[in-house]
N, C-alpha and C. Protein backbone atom coordinates (compact mmCIF):
# COMPACT_ATOMS: atom_id res chain seq x y z
N MET A 1 138.48 130.48 49.25
CA MET A 1 139.06 131.14 50.42
C MET A 1 138.26 130.74 51.65
N PHE A 2 138.97 130.41 52.70
CA PHE A 2 138.32 130.00 53.94
C PHE A 2 137.93 131.22 54.75
N MET A 3 136.73 131.21 55.29
CA MET A 3 136.28 132.32 56.10
C MET A 3 136.43 131.94 57.57
N THR A 4 137.49 132.40 58.16
CA THR A 4 137.71 132.16 59.58
C THR A 4 137.37 133.44 60.35
N PRO A 5 137.16 133.35 61.63
CA PRO A 5 136.89 134.57 62.41
C PRO A 5 138.01 135.61 62.27
N GLN A 6 139.25 135.14 62.19
CA GLN A 6 140.37 136.07 62.05
C GLN A 6 140.32 136.78 60.70
N SER A 7 140.00 136.04 59.64
CA SER A 7 139.96 136.67 58.32
C SER A 7 138.79 137.65 58.22
N ILE A 8 137.69 137.33 58.86
CA ILE A 8 136.54 138.25 58.87
C ILE A 8 136.89 139.52 59.62
N LYS A 9 137.56 139.39 60.76
CA LYS A 9 137.97 140.58 61.52
C LYS A 9 138.97 141.42 60.73
N ALA A 10 139.90 140.75 60.07
CA ALA A 10 140.90 141.48 59.29
C ALA A 10 140.24 142.22 58.13
N GLU A 11 139.31 141.57 57.45
CA GLU A 11 138.63 142.22 56.34
C GLU A 11 137.79 143.39 56.80
N THR A 12 137.11 143.23 57.94
CA THR A 12 136.31 144.32 58.49
C THR A 12 137.19 145.50 58.87
N ALA A 13 138.32 145.23 59.50
CA ALA A 13 139.24 146.31 59.87
C ALA A 13 139.78 147.02 58.63
N TYR A 14 140.09 146.25 57.60
CA TYR A 14 140.59 146.84 56.35
C TYR A 14 139.55 147.75 55.73
N LYS A 15 138.31 147.28 55.66
CA LYS A 15 137.24 148.09 55.08
C LYS A 15 137.00 149.36 55.88
N LEU A 16 137.07 149.27 57.20
CA LEU A 16 136.89 150.44 58.04
C LEU A 16 137.99 151.47 57.80
N GLU A 17 139.24 151.02 57.75
CA GLU A 17 140.35 151.94 57.49
C GLU A 17 140.23 152.57 56.11
N ARG A 18 139.83 151.79 55.14
CA ARG A 18 139.66 152.32 53.78
C ARG A 18 138.56 153.37 53.73
N THR A 19 137.46 153.11 54.45
CA THR A 19 136.36 154.08 54.51
C THR A 19 136.82 155.37 55.17
N LYS A 20 137.56 155.26 56.26
CA LYS A 20 138.07 156.46 56.94
C LYS A 20 138.98 157.25 56.01
N ARG A 21 139.89 156.56 55.31
CA ARG A 21 140.83 157.23 54.41
C ARG A 21 140.08 157.91 53.27
N GLU A 22 139.09 157.24 52.72
CA GLU A 22 138.30 157.81 51.62
C GLU A 22 137.53 159.04 52.10
N PHE A 23 136.99 158.98 53.31
CA PHE A 23 136.25 160.11 53.85
C PHE A 23 137.17 161.31 54.03
N ARG A 24 138.38 161.08 54.54
CA ARG A 24 139.32 162.18 54.75
C ARG A 24 139.71 162.83 53.43
N THR A 25 139.99 162.02 52.40
CA THR A 25 140.40 162.62 51.13
C THR A 25 139.25 163.34 50.46
N THR A 26 138.04 162.82 50.61
CA THR A 26 136.87 163.48 50.01
C THR A 26 136.64 164.83 50.66
N SER A 27 136.68 164.90 51.98
CA SER A 27 136.44 166.18 52.65
C SER A 27 137.58 167.15 52.37
N ARG A 28 138.80 166.64 52.23
CA ARG A 28 139.92 167.52 51.92
C ARG A 28 139.76 168.10 50.52
N ARG A 29 139.33 167.26 49.55
CA ARG A 29 139.09 167.76 48.19
C ARG A 29 137.97 168.79 48.19
N ALA A 30 136.93 168.56 48.95
CA ALA A 30 135.80 169.49 48.99
C ALA A 30 136.24 170.83 49.57
N ARG A 31 137.07 170.79 50.62
CA ARG A 31 137.55 172.05 51.21
C ARG A 31 138.44 172.79 50.22
N ALA A 32 139.28 172.08 49.49
CA ALA A 32 140.16 172.72 48.52
C ALA A 32 139.35 173.34 47.39
N ALA A 33 138.33 172.63 46.92
CA ALA A 33 137.49 173.16 45.84
C ALA A 33 136.71 174.37 46.32
N GLN A 34 136.27 174.34 47.56
CA GLN A 34 135.51 175.47 48.10
C GLN A 34 136.42 176.68 48.27
N ALA A 35 137.67 176.47 48.64
CA ALA A 35 138.60 177.58 48.83
C ALA A 35 138.96 178.23 47.50
N GLU A 36 138.92 177.48 46.39
CA GLU A 36 139.26 178.04 45.09
C GLU A 36 138.19 178.98 44.57
N ARG A 37 136.93 178.74 44.94
CA ARG A 37 135.83 179.58 44.45
C ARG A 37 135.79 180.90 45.19
N PRO A 38 135.75 182.03 44.49
CA PRO A 38 135.62 183.31 45.19
C PRO A 38 134.21 183.48 45.75
N GLU A 39 134.12 184.21 46.83
CA GLU A 39 132.81 184.43 47.43
C GLU A 39 132.05 185.47 46.61
N PRO A 40 130.79 185.25 46.35
CA PRO A 40 130.03 186.21 45.54
C PRO A 40 129.72 187.48 46.33
N GLY A 41 129.60 188.58 45.60
CA GLY A 41 129.19 189.83 46.23
C GLY A 41 130.30 190.61 46.90
N LEU A 42 131.54 190.33 46.57
CA LEU A 42 132.64 191.05 47.21
C LEU A 42 133.18 192.19 46.35
N ALA A 43 132.61 192.41 45.17
CA ALA A 43 133.09 193.48 44.30
C ALA A 43 132.73 194.83 44.92
N ARG A 44 133.67 195.76 44.87
CA ARG A 44 133.43 197.09 45.41
C ARG A 44 132.57 197.87 44.43
N PRO A 45 131.77 198.80 44.88
CA PRO A 45 130.93 199.61 43.97
C PRO A 45 131.76 200.36 42.95
N ALA A 46 132.97 200.77 43.26
CA ALA A 46 133.82 201.52 42.34
C ALA A 46 134.29 200.65 41.18
N ASP A 47 134.30 199.33 41.36
CA ASP A 47 134.76 198.44 40.31
C ASP A 47 133.66 198.11 39.31
N ARG A 48 132.43 198.48 39.62
CA ARG A 48 131.32 198.14 38.73
C ARG A 48 131.14 199.25 37.69
N TYR A 49 130.60 198.86 36.53
CA TYR A 49 130.31 199.84 35.50
C TYR A 49 129.10 200.66 35.89
N THR A 50 129.14 201.93 35.54
CA THR A 50 128.01 202.82 35.82
C THR A 50 127.55 203.46 34.52
N THR A 51 126.33 203.96 34.53
CA THR A 51 125.80 204.62 33.33
C THR A 51 126.31 206.06 33.26
N ALA A 52 126.66 206.66 34.38
CA ALA A 52 127.13 208.05 34.37
C ALA A 52 128.62 208.05 34.03
N ALA A 53 128.97 208.75 32.93
CA ALA A 53 130.38 208.82 32.57
C ALA A 53 130.71 210.12 31.89
């Protein structure tokens, strides 16, 4: 394959777009995974077991 200035620019642009796309999907997956996890410490005291019964 011949390396011309145009092919180098095209390859660089392709890699940049691919990196941007990968970054967007990664952050979107991370946000979705974070939204699925419940926040700790939100249980009401009435929902917890007590020794007095």
